[in-house]
Amino acid sequence: MGNKILIADDEQNIVISLEFLMKREGFDVSIAVDGEEAIERIRSEMPDLVLLDVMMPKKSGFEVCQEIKSDPALKSVRILMLTAKGRDTEVAKGLALGADAYMTKPFSTKELVERVRSMLAAD
């Protein structure tokens, strides 16, 4: 009975490691490999939290974030944006679009797990 987490990232190696990590922590995990699939899965599965990569095919993480946060039915879905770019403008843009938190790749797995747990505990 773990929380549901959607991993939205097009980099296979990152998806594999995040999926392993989140399952090990007891979370129920699903995967999306591009922005359009991420939106479909968020709508159909209503995850508690989305690990959302900024750079993805079809729709960027920013577009996904904006679409999810502007839909009243999906307001409760928390978004943790992941990006390889730590530029302040991207962080600001992600947060302005409604992302709940932000982490820059590469991040420590321990730090990521702690961030996910604290975000889910914020209910």
Protein backbone atom coordinates (compact mmCIF):
# COMPACT_ATOMS: atom_id res chain seq x y z
CA MET A 1 0.00 0.00 0.00
CA GLY A 2 2.76 2.41 -0.97
CA ASN A 3 2.33 5.79 -2.58
CA LYS A 4 2.11 5.88 -6.36
CA ILE A 5 5.01 7.48 -8.16
CA LEU A 6 5.28 8.17 -11.88
CA ILE A 7 8.79 8.43 -13.34
CA ALA A 8 8.72 10.54 -16.51
CA ASP A 9 12.13 10.47 -18.18
CA ASP A 10 13.39 9.45 -21.61
CA GLU A 11 16.84 8.29 -20.44
CA GLN A 12 16.63 4.54 -19.97
CA ASN A 13 19.50 4.27 -17.47
CA ILE A 14 17.98 6.95 -15.24
CA VAL A 15 14.54 5.31 -15.42
CA ILE A 16 16.00 1.94 -14.43
CA SER A 17 17.87 3.32 -11.43
CA LEU A 18 14.96 5.50 -10.26
CA GLU A 19 12.50 2.64 -10.64
CA PHE A 20 14.74 0.31 -8.63
CA LEU A 21 15.25 2.94 -5.95
CA MET A 22 11.58 3.86 -5.58
CA LYS A 23 10.40 0.22 -5.56
CA ARG A 24 13.00 -0.59 -2.92
CA GLU A 25 11.52 2.21 -0.82
CA GLY A 26 8.10 0.56 -1.11
CA PHE A 27 6.52 2.85 -3.69
CA ASP A 28 4.19 1.73 -6.45
CA VAL A 29 6.00 2.84 -9.64
CA SER A 30 4.95 3.48 -13.21
CA ILE A 31 7.00 4.85 -16.12
CA ALA A 32 6.44 7.34 -18.93
CA VAL A 33 9.12 7.91 -21.59
CA ASP A 34 7.84 11.16 -23.07
CA GLY A 35 5.69 14.13 -22.13
CA GLU A 36 2.51 12.96 -23.83
CA GLU A 37 2.66 9.55 -22.15
CA ALA A 38 3.35 11.28 -18.82
CA ILE A 39 0.13 13.31 -19.11
CA GLU A 40 -1.89 10.23 -20.13
CA ARG A 41 -0.55 8.23 -17.19
CA ILE A 42 -1.08 11.05 -14.70
CA ARG A 43 -4.71 11.33 -15.83
CA SER A 44 -5.35 7.57 -15.75
CA GLU A 45 -3.33 6.57 -12.67
CA MET A 46 -3.46 9.70 -10.48
CA PRO A 47 0.00 9.22 -8.94
CA ASP A 48 0.79 10.94 -5.64
CA LEU A 49 4.03 12.28 -7.05
CA VAL A 50 5.70 12.65 -10.45
CA LEU A 51 9.47 12.62 -10.95
CA LEU A 52 9.44 14.77 -14.06
CA ASP A 53 12.41 15.26 -16.36
CA VAL A 54 12.58 18.67 -18.05
CA MET A 55 14.06 17.51 -21.37
CA MET A 56 11.72 14.94 -22.96
CA PRO A 57 10.37 14.18 -26.43
CA LYS A 58 6.86 15.26 -27.56
CA LYS A 59 6.26 17.54 -24.58
CA SER A 60 8.82 19.05 -22.23
CA GLY A 61 8.61 18.67 -18.47
CA PHE A 62 7.61 22.34 -18.35
CA GLU A 63 4.64 21.70 -20.67
CA VAL A 64 3.61 18.63 -18.66
CA CYS A 65 3.87 20.56 -15.39
CA GLN A 66 1.82 23.46 -16.73
CA GLU A 67 -0.91 21.16 -18.08
CA ILE A 68 -1.17 19.15 -14.85
CA LYS A 69 -1.14 22.15 -12.54
CA SER A 70 -3.78 24.01 -14.59
CA ASP A 71 -6.22 21.06 -14.33
CA PRO A 72 -8.28 21.29 -11.10
CA ALA A 73 -8.79 17.51 -11.08
CA LEU A 74 -5.01 16.97 -10.89
CA LYS A 75 -4.15 19.68 -8.35
CA SER A 76 -3.17 17.14 -5.69
CA VAL A 77 -0.46 15.55 -7.85
CA ARG A 78 2.95 16.69 -6.60
CA ILE A 79 5.69 17.35 -9.13
CA LEU A 80 9.41 17.02 -8.48
CA MET A 81 11.24 18.30 -11.54
CA LEU A 82 14.55 16.73 -12.48
CA THR A 83 16.99 18.39 -14.82
CA ALA A 84 20.57 18.10 -15.92
CA LYS A 85 20.69 21.87 -16.11
CA GLY A 86 20.97 23.67 -12.82
CA ARG A 87 20.44 27.07 -14.37
CA ASP A 88 18.51 29.37 -12.09
CA THR A 89 16.21 30.41 -14.95
CA GLU A 90 15.05 26.80 -15.38
CA VAL A 91 14.49 26.35 -11.66
CA ALA A 92 12.50 29.58 -11.56
CA LYS A 93 10.48 28.59 -14.63
CA GLY A 94 9.65 25.15 -13.22
CA LEU A 95 8.55 26.59 -9.89
CA ALA A 96 6.58 29.36 -11.61
CA LEU A 97 4.66 26.70 -13.57
CA GLY A 98 3.71 25.00 -10.33
CA ALA A 99 6.38 22.37 -9.72
CA ASP A 100 6.49 21.53 -6.02
CA ALA A 101 10.24 21.00 -5.92
CA TYR A 102 13.32 20.77 -8.09
CA MET A 103 16.44 18.62 -8.19
CA THR A 104 19.45 18.81 -10.47
CA LYS A 105 21.06 15.72 -12.03
CA PRO A 106 23.22 14.11 -10.94
CA PHE A 107 21.67 13.90 -7.47
CA SER A 108 22.39 11.53 -4.64
CA THR A 109 19.83 8.75 -4.33
CA LYS A 110 19.64 9.35 -0.59
CA GLU A 111 18.82 13.01 -1.14
CA LEU A 112 16.16 12.12 -3.72
CA VAL A 113 14.48 9.57 -1.43
CA GLU A 114 14.45 12.08 1.43
CA ARG A 115 12.95 14.75 -0.81
CA VAL A 116 10.25 12.36 -2.11
CA ARG A 117 9.38 11.23 1.43
CA SER A 118 9.13 14.77 2.76
CA MET A 119 6.94 15.83 -0.19
CA LEU A 120 4.59 12.88 0.36
CA ALA A 121 4.47 13.52 4.11
CA ALA A 122 3.29 17.07 3.50
CA ASP A 123 -0.36 15.92 3.32
